[in-house]
C-alpha cells in the first residue's frame, strides 16, 4: 500500500479514512480531520476526529465547517470531536483539503474542554 509522507498529516488536514466504529465491528470510508501534532506523528500514529454531514442529528460539541468546499467536502458538514480515533497513517486513503484556521482552533478548543481540567 502506498503511504504518503507524514508531513501531509498536519493538524487541520482533512483526509478520507476507513473509520472504525466503537460500538460495532464495522468501518466506513469517511472524511475526518487530523487533530494530532508532531509528537503523535513521530510515534507513528495519527489522531483524527470524525466529520459528518450537517444533515445528521447534532451531538454536543459538534463544530460547523463554514467553508466546506475548501475542506474538500461536497456538502455542509460538522466535525464531531466526541468521535476521535488513533490510527496508523496507512489507514489514510487520501488528503482532500484543510479546515480554515478558525474552525480548526474551535475543534481543538472543544476537544480540550471535553478532556477536563489538567
PDB file of N, CA and C in Angstrom:
ATOM      1  N   UNK A   1       0.830  -1.175   0.000  1.00  0.00           N
ATOM      2  CA  UNK A   1       0.000   0.000   0.000  1.00  0.00           C
ATOM      3  C   UNK A   1       0.879   1.245   0.000  1.00  0.00           C
ATOM      4  N   UNK A   2       0.596   2.185  -0.867  1.00  0.00           N
ATOM      5  CA  UNK A   2       1.366   3.419  -0.945  1.00  0.00           C
ATOM      6  C   UNK A   2       1.036   4.305   0.247  1.00  0.00           C
ATOM      7  N   UNK A   3       2.069   4.809   0.913  1.00  0.00           N
ATOM      8  CA  UNK A   3       1.846   5.718   2.027  1.00  0.00           C
ATOM      9  C   UNK A   3       2.314   7.106   1.642  1.00  0.00           C
ATOM     10  N   UNK A   4       1.706   8.102   2.231  1.00  0.00           N
ATOM     11  CA  UNK A   4       2.075   9.480   1.968  1.00  0.00           C
ATOM     12  C   UNK A   4       3.031   9.933   3.053  1.00  0.00           C
ATOM     13  N   UNK A   5       3.836  10.961   2.776  1.00  0.00           N
ATOM     14  CA  UNK A   5       4.754  11.465   3.798  1.00  0.00           C
ATOM     15  C   UNK A   5       3.988  11.937   5.027  1.00  0.00           C
ATOM     16  N   UNK A   6       4.562  11.724   6.203  1.00  0.00           N
ATOM     17  CA  UNK A   6       3.886  12.128   7.431  1.00  0.00           C
ATOM     18  C   UNK A   6       3.695  13.635   7.494  1.00  0.00           C
ATOM     19  N   UNK A   7       4.456  14.401   6.730  1.00  0.00           N
ATOM     20  CA  UNK A   7       4.279  15.851   6.711  1.00  0.00           C
ATOM     21  C   UNK A   7       2.911  16.228   6.145  1.00  0.00           C
ATOM     22  N   UNK A   8       2.252  15.303   5.425  1.00  0.00           N
ATOM     23  CA  UNK A   8       0.913  15.567   4.880  1.00  0.00           C
ATOM     24  C   UNK A   8      -0.157  15.517   5.962  1.00  0.00           C
ATOM     25  N   UNK A   9       0.177  15.043   7.143  1.00  0.00           N
ATOM     26  CA  UNK A   9      -0.828  14.859   8.188  1.00  0.00           C
ATOM     27  C   UNK A   9      -0.714  15.915   9.269  1.00  0.00           C
ATOM     28  N   UNK A  10      -0.667  17.165   8.861  1.00  0.00           N
ATOM     29  CA  UNK A  10      -0.615  18.280   9.797  1.00  0.00           C
ATOM     30  C   UNK A  10      -1.987  18.489  10.438  1.00  0.00           C
ATOM     31  N   UNK A  11      -2.039  19.041  11.661  1.00  0.00           N
ATOM     32  CA  UNK A  11      -3.323  19.339  12.287  1.00  0.00           C
ATOM     33  C   UNK A  11      -4.175  20.219  11.361  1.00  0.00           C
ATOM     34  N   UNK A  12      -5.449  19.872  11.262  1.00  0.00           N
ATOM     35  CA  UNK A  12      -6.361  20.626  10.410  1.00  0.00           C
ATOM     36  C   UNK A  12      -6.512  20.058   9.015  1.00  0.00           C
ATOM     37  N   UNK A  13      -5.678  19.076   8.654  1.00  0.00           N
ATOM     38  CA  UNK A  13      -5.774  18.430   7.346  1.00  0.00           C
ATOM     39  C   UNK A  13      -7.016  17.542   7.307  1.00  0.00           C
ATOM     40  N   UNK A  14      -7.804  17.665   6.246  1.00  0.00           N
ATOM     41  CA  UNK A  14      -8.983  16.819   6.074  1.00  0.00           C
ATOM     42  C   UNK A  14      -8.600  15.654   5.176  1.00  0.00           C
ATOM     43  N   UNK A  15      -8.889  14.459   5.635  1.00  0.00           N
ATOM     44  CA  UNK A  15      -8.488  13.233   4.950  1.00  0.00           C
ATOM     45  C   UNK A  15      -9.687  12.302   4.808  1.00  0.00           C
ATOM     46  N   UNK A  16      -9.530  11.289   3.968  1.00  0.00           N
ATOM     47  CA  UNK A  16     -10.505  10.205   3.868  1.00  0.00           C
ATOM     48  C   UNK A  16      -9.848   8.975   4.474  1.00  0.00           C
ATOM     49  N   UNK A  17     -10.562   8.325   5.395  1.00  0.00           N
ATOM     50  CA  UNK A  17     -10.030   7.163   6.107  1.00  0.00           C
ATOM     51  C   UNK A  17     -11.096   6.074   6.194  1.00  0.00           C
ATOM     52  N   UNK A  18     -10.644   4.883   6.545  1.00  0.00           N
ATOM     53  CA  UNK A  18     -11.564   3.824   6.970  1.00  0.00           C
ATOM     54  C   UNK A  18     -11.747   4.052   8.465  1.00  0.00           C
ATOM     55  N   UNK A  19     -12.882   4.631   8.843  1.00  0.00           N
ATOM     56  CA  UNK A  19     -13.143   4.997  10.235  1.00  0.00           C
ATOM     57  C   UNK A  19     -13.809   3.835  10.952  1.00  0.00           C
ATOM     58  N   UNK A  20     -13.211   3.408  12.058  1.00  0.00           N
ATOM     59  CA  UNK A  20     -13.760   2.306  12.858  1.00  0.00           C
ATOM     60  C   UNK A  20     -14.836   2.830  13.797  1.00  0.00           C
ATOM     61  N   UNK A  21     -15.888   2.055  13.988  1.00  0.00           N
ATOM     62  CA  UNK A  21     -16.958   2.416  14.909  1.00  0.00           C
ATOM     63  C   UNK A  21     -16.712   1.747  16.247  1.00  0.00           C
ATOM     64  N   UNK A  22     -16.875   2.487  17.358  1.00  0.00           N
ATOM     65  CA  UNK A  22     -16.602   1.895  18.673  1.00  0.00           C
ATOM     66  C   UNK A  22     -17.676   0.920  19.146  1.00  0.00           C
ATOM     67  N   UNK A  23     -18.880   1.005  18.583  1.00  0.00           N
ATOM     68  CA  UNK A  23     -19.982   0.197  19.088  1.00  0.00           C
ATOM     69  C   UNK A  23     -20.292  -1.040  18.247  1.00  0.00           C
ATOM     70  N   UNK A  24     -19.515  -1.264  17.187  1.00  0.00           N
ATOM     71  CA  UNK A  24     -19.732  -2.464  16.368  1.00  0.00           C
ATOM     72  C   UNK A  24     -18.469  -2.780  15.574  1.00  0.00           C
ATOM     73  N   UNK A  25     -18.380  -4.009  15.116  1.00  0.00           N
ATOM     74  CA  UNK A  25     -17.221  -4.422  14.331  1.00  0.00           C
ATOM     75  C   UNK A  25     -17.445  -4.029  12.870  1.00  0.00           C
ATOM     76  N   UNK A  26     -17.289  -2.744  12.608  1.00  0.00           N
ATOM     77  CA  UNK A  26     -17.510  -2.235  11.261  1.00  0.00           C
ATOM     78  C   UNK A  26     -16.658  -0.995  11.048  1.00  0.00           C
ATOM     79  N   UNK A  27     -16.435  -0.701   9.803  1.00  0.00           N
ATOM     80  CA  UNK A  27     -15.744   0.532   9.451  1.00  0.00           C
ATOM     81  C   UNK A  27     -16.386   1.089   8.193  1.00  0.00           C
ATOM     82  N   UNK A  28     -16.217   2.387   8.009  1.00  0.00           N
ATOM     83  CA  UNK A  28     -16.812   3.055   6.872  1.00  0.00           C
ATOM     84  C   UNK A  28     -15.828   4.083   6.345  1.00  0.00           C
ATOM     85  N   UNK A  29     -15.739   4.191   5.041  1.00  0.00           N
ATOM     86  CA  UNK A  29     -14.894   5.214   4.433  1.00  0.00           C
ATOM     87  C   UNK A  29     -15.586   6.558   4.621  1.00  0.00           C
ATOM     88  N   UNK A  30     -14.869   7.496   5.261  1.00  0.00           N
ATOM     89  CA  UNK A  30     -15.483   8.790   5.550  1.00  0.00           C
ATOM     90  C   UNK A  30     -14.415   9.851   5.761  1.00  0.00           C
ATOM     91  N   UNK A  31     -14.809  11.117   5.699  1.00  0.00           N
ATOM     92  CA  UNK A  31     -13.842  12.176   5.964  1.00  0.00           C
ATOM     93  C   UNK A  31     -13.589  12.323   7.456  1.00  0.00           C
ATOM     94  N   UNK A  32     -12.399  12.805   7.766  1.00  0.00           N
ATOM     95  CA  UNK A  32     -12.005  13.073   9.147  1.00  0.00           C
ATOM     96  C   UNK A  32     -10.973  14.194   9.106  1.00  0.00           C
ATOM     97  N   UNK A  33     -10.752  14.811  10.245  1.00  0.00           N
ATOM     98  CA  UNK A  33      -9.740  15.866  10.330  1.00  0.00           C
ATOM     99  C   UNK A  33      -8.635  15.418  11.280  1.00  0.00           C
ATOM    100  N   UNK A  34      -7.396  15.678  10.893  1.00  0.00           N
ATOM    101  CA  UNK A  34      -6.243  15.360  11.734  1.00  0.00           C
ATOM    102  C   UNK A  34      -6.226  16.343  12.898  1.00  0.00           C
ATOM    103  N   UNK A  35      -6.143  15.817  14.131  1.00  0.00           N
ATOM    104  CA  UNK A  35      -6.114  16.661  15.322  1.00  0.00           C
ATOM    105  C   UNK A  35      -4.847  16.448  16.147  1.00  0.00           C
ATOM    106  N   UNK A  36      -3.936  15.621  15.671  1.00  0.00           N
ATOM    107  CA  UNK A  36      -2.697  15.368  16.411  1.00  0.00           C
ATOM    108  C   UNK A  36      -1.562  16.218  15.861  1.00  0.00           C
ATOM    109  N   UNK A  37      -0.534  16.341  16.688  1.00  0.00           N
ATOM    110  CA  UNK A  37       0.640  17.111  16.317  1.00  0.00           C
ATOM    111  C   UNK A  37       1.852  16.232  16.067  1.00  0.00           C
ATOM    112  N   UNK A  38       3.003  16.869  16.077  1.00  0.00           N
ATOM    113  CA  UNK A  38       4.256  16.217  15.710  1.00  0.00           C
ATOM    114  C   UNK A  38       4.632  15.047  16.615  1.00  0.00           C
ATOM    115  N   UNK A  39       4.354  15.144  17.903  1.00  0.00           N
ATOM    116  CA  UNK A  39       4.742  14.066  18.827  1.00  0.00           C
ATOM    117  C   UNK A  39       4.007  12.766  18.502  1.00  0.00           C
ATOM    118  N   UNK A  40       2.729  12.862  18.165  1.00  0.00           N
ATOM    119  CA  UNK A  40       1.951  11.671  17.818  1.00  0.00           C
ATOM    120  C   UNK A  40       2.440  11.113  16.488  1.00  0.00           C
ATOM    121  N   UNK A  41       2.675  11.996  15.527  1.00  0.00           N
ATOM    122  CA  UNK A  41       3.181  11.567  14.218  1.00  0.00           C
ATOM    123  C   UNK A  41       4.532  10.875  14.362  1.00  0.00           C
ATOM    124  N   UNK A  42       5.401  11.426  15.192  1.00  0.00           N
ATOM    125  CA  UNK A  42       6.727  10.834  15.407  1.00  0.00           C
ATOM    126  C   UNK A  42       6.619   9.434  16.006  1.00  0.00           C
ATOM    127  N   UNK A  43       5.568   9.180  16.762  1.00  0.00           N
ATOM    128  CA  UNK A  43       5.353   7.856  17.356  1.00  0.00           C
ATOM    129  C   UNK A  43       4.732   6.877  16.356  1.00  0.00           C
ATOM    130  N   UNK A  44       4.370   7.377  15.162  1.00  0.00           N
ATOM    131  CA  UNK A  44       3.837   6.507  14.125  1.00  0.00           C
ATOM    132  C   UNK A  44       2.330   6.427  14.064  1.00  0.00           C
ATOM    133  N   UNK A  45       1.650   7.396  14.665  1.00  0.00           N
ATOM    134  CA  UNK A  45       0.189   7.401  14.688  1.00  0.00           C
ATOM    135  C   UNK A  45      -0.364   8.743  14.230  1.00  0.00           C
ATOM    136  N   UNK A  46      -1.681   8.772  14.010  1.00  0.00           N
ATOM    137  CA  UNK A  46      -2.398   9.999  13.686  1.00  0.00           C
ATOM    138  C   UNK A  46      -3.700   9.970  14.471  1.00  0.00           C
ATOM    139  N   UNK A  47      -4.025  11.078  15.139  1.00  0.00           N
ATOM    140  CA  UNK A  47      -5.321  11.205  15.798  1.00  0.00           C
ATOM    141  C   UNK A  47      -6.239  11.934  14.834  1.00  0.00           C
ATOM    142  N   UNK A  48      -7.458  11.412  14.671  1.00  0.00           N
ATOM    143  CA  UNK A  48      -8.427  12.031  13.775  1.00  0.00           C
ATOM    144  C   UNK A  48      -9.765  12.209  14.492  1.00  0.00           C
ATOM    145  N   UNK A  49     -10.517  13.217  14.057  1.00  0.00           N
ATOM    146  CA  UNK A  49     -11.885  13.418  14.538  1.00  0.00           C
ATOM    147  C   UNK A  49     -12.811  13.256  13.344  1.00  0.00           C
ATOM    148  N   UNK A  50     -13.909  12.575  13.577  1.00  0.00           N
ATOM    149  CA  UNK A  50     -14.867  12.273  12.518  1.00  0.00           C
ATOM    150  C   UNK A  50     -15.530  13.540  11.976  1.00  0.00           C
ATOM    151  N   UNK A  51     -15.779  13.548  10.681  1.00  0.00           N
ATOM    152  CA  UNK A  51     -16.588  14.578  10.036  1.00  0.00           C
ATOM    153  C   UNK A  51     -17.842  13.899   9.521  1.00  0.00           C
ATOM    154  N   UNK A  52     -18.987  14.550   9.729  1.00  0.00           N
ATOM    155  CA  UNK A  52     -20.253  14.006   9.264  1.00  0.00           C
ATOM    156  C   UNK A  52     -21.086  15.107   8.622  1.00  0.00           C
ATOM    157  N   UNK A  53     -22.058  14.710   7.863  1.00  0.00           N
ATOM    158  CA  UNK A  53     -22.946  15.656   7.196  1.00  0.00           C
ATOM    159  C   UNK A  53     -23.716  16.477   8.220  1.00  0.00           C
ATOM    160  N   UNK A  54     -23.910  17.742   7.929  1.00  0.00           N
ATOM    161  CA  UNK A  54     -24.681  18.614   8.819  1.00  0.00           C
ATOM    162  C   UNK A  54     -26.148  18.199   8.874  1.00  0.00           C
ATOM    163  N   UNK A  55     -26.591  17.340   7.956  1.00  0.00           N
ATOM    164  CA  UNK A  55     -27.980  16.841   7.959  1.00  0.00           C
ATOM    165  C   UNK A  55     -28.234  15.903   9.127  1.00  0.00           C
ATOM    166  N   UNK A  56     -27.184  15.231   9.603  1.00  0.00           N
ATOM    167  CA  UNK A  56     -27.336  14.257  10.680  1.00  0.00           C
ATOM    168  C   UNK A  56     -27.687  14.952  11.993  1.00  0.00           C
ATOM    169  N   UNK A  57     -28.275  14.201  12.913  1.00  0.00           N
ATOM    170  CA  UNK A  57     -28.605  14.743  14.235  1.00  0.00           C
ATOM    171  C   UNK A  57     -27.344  15.279  14.888  1.00  0.00           C
ATOM    172  N   UNK A  58     -27.459  16.432  15.512  1.00  0.00           N
ATOM    173  CA  UNK A  58     -26.300  17.061  16.147  1.00  0.00           C
ATOM    174  C   UNK A  58     -25.948  16.374  17.459  1.00  0.00           C
ATOM    175  N   UNK A  59     -24.653  16.396  17.781  1.00  0.00           N
ATOM    176  CA  UNK A  59     -24.154  15.920  19.066  1.00  0.00           C
ATOM    177  C   UNK A  59     -23.527  17.097  19.788  1.00  0.00           C
ATOM    178  N   UNK A  60     -23.464  17.010  21.107  1.00  0.00           N
ATOM    179  CA  UNK A  60     -22.818  18.061  21.892  1.00  0.00           C
ATOM    180  C   UNK A  60     -21.385  18.249  21.422  1.00  0.00           C
ATOM    181  N   UNK A  61     -20.999  19.477  21.199  1.00  0.00           N
ATOM    182  CA  UNK A  61     -19.627  19.772  20.808  1.00  0.00           C
ATOM    183  C   UNK A  61     -19.362  19.771  19.317  1.00  0.00           C
ATOM    184  N   UNK A  62     -20.345  19.432  18.495  1.00  0.00           N
ATOM    185  CA  UNK A  62     -20.134  19.473  17.031  1.00  0.00           C
ATOM    186  C   UNK A  62     -19.693  20.867  16.608  1.00  0.00           C
ATOM    187  N   UNK A  63     -18.761  20.923  15.660  1.00  0.00           N
ATOM    188  CA  UNK A  63     -18.246  22.191  15.151  1.00  0.00           C
ATOM    189  C   UNK A  63     -18.590  22.296  13.669  1.00  0.00           C
ATOM    190  N   UNK A  64     -19.370  23.298  13.320  1.00  0.00           N
ATOM    191  CA  UNK A  64     -19.784  23.532  11.938  1.00  0.00           C
ATOM    192  C   UNK A  64     -18.575  23.925  11.081  1.00  0.00           C
ATOM    193  N   UNK A  65     -18.464  23.336   9.898  1.00  0.00           N
ATOM    194  CA  UNK A  65     -17.423  23.705   8.937  1.00  0.00           C
ATOM    195  C   UNK A  65     -18.058  24.700   7.972  1.00  0.00           C
ATOM    196  N   UNK A  66     -17.765  25.984   8.172  1.00  0.00           N
ATOM    197  CA  UNK A  66     -18.399  27.036   7.379  1.00  0.00           C
ATOM    198  C   UNK A  66     -18.005  26.952   5.903  1.00  0.00           C
ATOM    199  N   UNK A  67     -16.718  26.749   5.632  1.00  0.00           N
ATOM    200  CA  UNK A  67     -16.231  26.693   4.247  1.00  0.00           C
ATOM    201  C   UNK A  67     -15.942  25.238   3.897  1.00  0.00           C
ATOM    202  N   UNK A  68     -17.020  24.467   3.683  1.00  0.00           N
ATOM    203  CA  UNK A  68     -16.840  23.035   3.471  1.00  0.00           C
ATOM    204  C   UNK A  68     -16.154  22.728   2.136  1.00  0.00           C
ATOM    205  N   UNK A  69     -16.255  23.628   1.153  1.00  0.00           N
ATOM    206  CA  UNK A  69     -15.597  23.380  -0.132  1.00  0.00           C
ATOM    207  C   UNK A  69     -14.072  23.387   0.008  1.00  0.00           C
ATOM    208  N   UNK A  70     -13.510  24.328   0.772  1.00  0.00           N
ATOM    209  CA  UNK A  70     -12.046  24.359   0.929  1.00  0.00           C
ATOM    210  C   UNK A  70     -11.551  23.179   1.764  1.00  0.00           C
ATOM    211  N   UNK A  71     -12.454  22.576   2.530  1.00  0.00           N
ATOM    212  CA  UNK A  71     -12.103  21.374   3.292  1.00  0.00           C
ATOM    213  C   UNK A  71     -12.175  20.131   2.410  1.00  0.00           C
ATOM    214  N   UNK A  72     -12.610  20.312   1.138  1.00  0.00           N
ATOM    215  CA  UNK A  72     -12.689  19.187   0.216  1.00  0.00           C
ATOM    216  C   UNK A  72     -13.965  18.389   0.334  1.00  0.00           C
ATOM    217  N   UNK A  73     -14.961  18.969   0.976  1.00  0.00           N
ATOM    218  CA  UNK A  73     -16.224  18.265   1.230  1.00  0.00           C
ATOM    219  C   UNK A  73     -17.289  18.704   0.235  1.00  0.00           C
ATOM    220  N   UNK A  74     -18.179  17.799  -0.127  1.00  0.00           N
ATOM    221  CA  UNK A  74     -19.202  18.091  -1.109  1.00  0.00           C
ATOM    222  C   UNK A  74     -20.487  18.652  -0.533  1.00  0.00           C
ATOM    223  N   UNK A  75     -20.675  18.524   0.780  1.00  0.00           N
ATOM    224  CA  UNK A  75     -21.902  19.004   1.426  1.00  0.00           C
ATOM    225  C   UNK A  75     -21.547  19.686   2.745  1.00  0.00           C
ATOM    226  N   UNK A  76     -22.488  20.487   3.252  1.00  0.00           N
ATOM    227  CA  UNK A  76     -22.309  21.117   4.561  1.00  0.00           C
ATOM    228  C   UNK A  76     -22.045  20.029   5.598  1.00  0.00           C
ATOM    229  N   UNK A  77     -21.029  20.248   6.437  1.00  0.00           N
ATOM    230  CA  UNK A  77     -20.579  19.204   7.359  1.00  0.00           C
ATOM    231  C   UNK A  77     -20.179  19.788   8.703  1.00  0.00           C
ATOM    232  N   UNK A  78     -20.030  18.884   9.679  1.00  0.00           N
ATOM    233  CA  UNK A  78     -19.554  19.250  11.010  1.00  0.00           C
ATOM    234  C   UNK A  78     -18.442  18.295  11.419  1.00  0.00           C
ATOM    235  N   UNK A  79     -17.533  18.801  12.257  1.00  0.00           N
ATOM    236  CA  UNK A  79     -16.547  17.936  12.912  1.00  0.00           C
ATOM    237  C   UNK A  79     -17.199  17.464  14.200  1.00  0.00           C
ATOM    238  N   UNK A  80     -17.063  16.188  14.486  1.00  0.00           N
ATOM    239  CA  UNK A  80     -17.644  15.597  15.690  1.00  0.00           C
ATOM    240  C   UNK A  80     -16.495  15.230  16.641  1.00  0.00           C
ATOM    241  N   UNK A  81     -16.042  16.192  17.484  1.00  0.00           N
ATOM    242  CA  UNK A  81     -14.907  15.935  18.387  1.00  0.00           C
ATOM    243  C   UNK A  81     -15.136  14.811  19.386  1.00  0.00           C
ATOM    244  N   UNK A  82     -16.391  14.434  19.639  1.00  0.00           N
ATOM    245  CA  UNK A  82     -16.653  13.301  20.536  1.00  0.00           C
ATOM    246  C   UNK A  82     -16.169  11.981  19.946  1.00  0.00           C
ATOM    247  N   UNK A  83     -15.975  11.945  18.627  1.00  0.00           N
ATOM    248  CA  UNK A  83     -15.553  10.708  17.965  1.00  0.00           C
ATOM    249  C   UNK A  83     -14.136  10.881  17.427  1.00  0.00           C
ATOM    250  N   UNK A  84     -13.179  10.587  18.299  1.00  0.00           N
ATOM    251  CA  UNK A  84     -11.755  10.666  17.956  1.00  0.00           C
ATOM    252  C   UNK A  84     -11.213   9.245  17.866  1.00  0.00           C
ATOM    253  N   UNK A  85     -10.311   9.029  16.918  1.00  0.00           N
ATOM    254  CA  UNK A  85      -9.662   7.728  16.767  1.00  0.00           C
ATOM    255  C   UNK A  85      -8.161   7.924  16.644  1.00  0.00           C
ATOM    256  N   UNK A  86      -7.429   6.936  17.089  1.00  0.00           N
ATOM    257  CA  UNK A  86      -5.977   6.878  16.905  1.00  0.00           C
ATOM    258  C   UNK A  86      -5.728   5.808  15.846  1.00  0.00           C
ATOM    259  N   UNK A  87      -5.137   6.220  14.730  1.00  0.00           N
ATOM    260  CA  UNK A  87      -4.940   5.289  13.616  1.00  0.00           C
ATOM    261  C   UNK A  87      -3.488   5.305  13.166  1.00  0.00           C
ATOM    262  N   UNK A  88      -3.133   4.299  12.386  1.00  0.00           N
ATOM    263  CA  UNK A  88      -1.840   4.293  11.720  1.00  0.00           C
ATOM    264  C   UNK A  88      -1.984   5.069  10.412  1.00  0.00           C
ATOM    265  N   UNK A  89      -0.956   5.784  10.003  1.00  0.00           N
ATOM    266  CA  UNK A  89      -1.048   6.591   8.775  1.00  0.00           C
ATOM    267  C   UNK A  89      -1.455   5.789   7.538  1.00  0.00           C
ATOM    268  N   UNK A  90      -1.190   4.487   7.506  1.00  0.00           N
ATOM    269  CA  UNK A  90      -1.556   3.676   6.340  1.00  0.00           C
ATOM    270  C   UNK A  90      -3.068   3.546   6.167  1.00  0.00           C
ATOM    271  N   UNK A  91      -3.848   3.876   7.216  1.00  0.00           N
ATOM    272  CA  UNK A  91      -5.314   3.834   7.112  1.00  0.00           C
ATOM    273  C   UNK A  91      -5.883   5.053   6.391  1.00  0.00           C
ATOM    274  N   UNK A  92      -5.022   6.067   6.186  1.00  0.00           N
ATOM    275  CA  UNK A  92      -5.462   7.272   5.483  1.00  0.00           C
ATOM    276  C   UNK A  92      -5.404   6.989   3.990  1.00  0.00           C
ATOM    277  N   UNK A  93      -6.532   7.169   3.327  1.00  0.00           N
ATOM    278  CA  UNK A  93      -6.623   6.888   1.899  1.00  0.00           C
ATOM    279  C   UNK A  93      -6.124   8.050   1.058  1.00  0.00           C
ATOM    280  N   UNK A  94      -6.488   9.280   1.469  1.00  0.00           N
ATOM    281  CA  UNK A  94      -6.021  10.458   0.727  1.00  0.00           C
ATOM    282  C   UNK A  94      -6.343  11.728   1.504  1.00  0.00           C
ATOM    283  N   UNK A  95      -5.641  12.795   1.131  1.00  0.00           N
ATOM    284  CA  UNK A  95      -5.882  14.142   1.658  1.00  0.00           C
ATOM    285  C   UNK A  95      -6.863  14.810   0.715  1.00  0.00           C
ATOM    286  N   UNK A  96      -7.892  15.507   1.277  1.00  0.00           N
ATOM    287  CA  UNK A  96      -8.849  16.173   0.398  1.00  0.00           C
ATOM    288  C   UNK A  96      -8.935  17.679   0.613  1.00  0.00           C
ATOM    289  N   UNK A  97      -8.367  18.192   1.689  1.00  0.00           N
ATOM    290  CA  UNK A  97      -8.430  19.629   1.943  1.00  0.00           C
ATOM    291  C   UNK A  97      -7.923  19.960   3.323  1.00  0.00           C
ATOM    292  N   UNK A  98      -8.327  21.124   3.810  1.00  0.00           N
ATOM    293  CA  UNK A  98      -7.954  21.511   5.165  1.00  0.00           C
ATOM    294  C   UNK A  98      -9.021  22.429   5.740  1.00  0.00           C
ATOM    295  N   UNK A  99      -9.115  22.423   7.069  1.00  0.00           N
ATOM    296  CA  UNK A  99     -10.068  23.287   7.743  1.00  0.00           C
ATOM    297  C   UNK A  99      -9.541  24.710   7.777  1.00  0.00           C
ATOM    298  N   UNK A 100     -10.424  25.699   7.698  1.00  0.00           N
ATOM    299  CA  UNK A 100      -9.993  27.081   7.945  1.00  0.00           C
ATOM    300  C   UNK A 100      -9.411  27.174   9.360  1.00  0.00           C
ATOM    301  N   UNK A 101      -8.440  28.047   9.564  1.00  0.00           N
ATOM    302  CA  UNK A 101      -7.766  28.157  10.865  1.00  0.00           C
ATOM    303  C   UNK A 101      -8.737  28.372  12.018  1.00  0.00           C
ATOM    304  N   UNK A 102      -9.753  29.197  11.811  1.00  0.00           N
ATOM    305  CA  UNK A 102     -10.707  29.485  12.882  1.00  0.00           C
ATOM    306  C   UNK A 102     -11.505  28.229  13.267  1.00  0.00           C
ATOM    307  N   UNK A 103     -11.895  27.450  12.270  1.00  0.00           N
ATOM    308  CA  UNK A 103     -12.645  26.220  12.528  1.00  0.00           C
ATOM    309  C   UNK A 103     -11.761  25.213  13.248  1.00  0.00           C
ATOM    310  N   UNK A 104     -10.511  25.068  12.790  1.00  0.00           N
ATOM    311  CA  UNK A 104      -9.581  24.140  13.440  1.00  0.00           C
ATOM    312  C   UNK A 104      -9.365  24.533  14.898  1.00  0.00           C
ATOM    313  N   UNK A 105      -9.197  25.823  15.165  1.00  0.00           N
ATOM    314  CA  UNK A 105      -8.997  26.290  16.539  1.00  0.00           C
ATOM    315  C   UNK A 105     -10.205  25.953  17.409  1.00  0.00           C
ATOM    316  N   UNK A 106     -11.405  26.079  16.843  1.00  0.00           N
ATOM    317  CA  UNK A 106     -12.625  25.743  17.588  1.00  0.00           C
ATOM    318  C   UNK A 106     -12.688  24.243  17.887  1.00  0.00           C
ATOM    319  N   UNK A 107     -12.263  23.413  16.927  1.00  0.00           N
ATOM    320  CA  UNK A 107     -12.235  21.958  17.150  1.00  0.00           C
ATOM    321  C   UNK A 107     -11.275  21.624  18.290  1.00  0.00           C
ATOM    322  N   UNK A 108     -10.061  22.195  18.275  1.00  0.00           N
ATOM    323  CA  UNK A 108      -9.075  21.899  19.321  1.00  0.00           C
ATOM    324  C   UNK A 108      -9.580  22.368  20.689  1.00  0.00           C
ATOM    325  N   UNK A 109     -10.217  23.548  20.730  1.00  0.00           N
ATOM    326  CA  UNK A 109     -10.749  24.061  21.995  1.00  0.00           C
ATOM    327  C   UNK A 109     -11.850  23.140  22.527  1.00  0.00           C
ATOM    328  N   UNK A 110     -12.684  22.637  21.637  1.00  0.00           N
ATOM    329  CA  UNK A 110     -13.752  21.724  22.050  1.00  0.00           C
ATOM    330  C   UNK A 110     -13.165  20.431  22.609  1.00  0.00           C
ATOM    331  N   UNK A 111     -12.149  19.906  21.941  1.00  0.00           N
ATOM    332  CA  UNK A 111     -11.502  18.681  22.435  1.00  0.00           C
ATOM    333  C   UNK A 111     -10.901  18.926  23.815  1.00  0.00           C
ATOM    334  N   UNK A 112     -10.168  20.030  23.978  1.00  0.00           N
ATOM    335  CA  UNK A 112      -9.567  20.337  25.277  1.00  0.00           C
ATOM    336  C   UNK A 112     -10.636  20.464  26.367  1.00  0.00           C
ATOM    337  N   UNK A 113     -11.774  21.096  26.043  1.00  0.00           N
ATOM    338  CA  UNK A 113     -12.829  21.299  27.054  1.00  0.00           C
ATOM    339  C   UNK A 113     -13.464  19.962  27.456  1.00  0.00           C
ATOM    340  N   UNK A 114     -13.457  18.985  26.572  1.00  0.00           N
ATOM    341  CA  UNK A 114     -14.052  17.704  26.890  1.00  0.00           C
ATOM    342  C   UNK A 114     -13.108  16.776  27.641  1.00  0.00           C
ATOM    343  N   UNK A 115     -11.834  17.100  27.635  1.00  0.00           N
ATOM    344  CA  UNK A 115     -10.861  16.298  28.395  1.00  0.00           C
ATOM    345  C   UNK A 115     -10.992  16.580  29.870  1.00  0.00           C
ATOM    346  N   UNK A 116     -11.258  17.809  30.227  1.00  0.00           N
ATOM    347  CA  UNK A 116     -11.413  18.184  31.630  1.00  0.00           C
ATOM    348  C   UNK A 116     -10.201  18.927  32.131  1.00  0.00           C
ATOM    349  N   UNK A 117     -10.211  19.275  33.413  1.00  0.00           N
ATOM    350  CA  UNK A 117      -9.107  20.054  33.974  1.00  0.00           C
ATOM    351  C   UNK A 117      -7.813  19.238  33.994  1.00  0.00           C
ATOM    352  N   UNK A 118      -6.726  19.968  33.862  1.00  0.00           N
ATOM    353  CA  UNK A 118      -5.401  19.319  33.874  1.00  0.00           C
ATOM    354  C   UNK A 118      -4.979  18.970  35.267  1.00  0.00           C
TER     355      UNK A 118
END
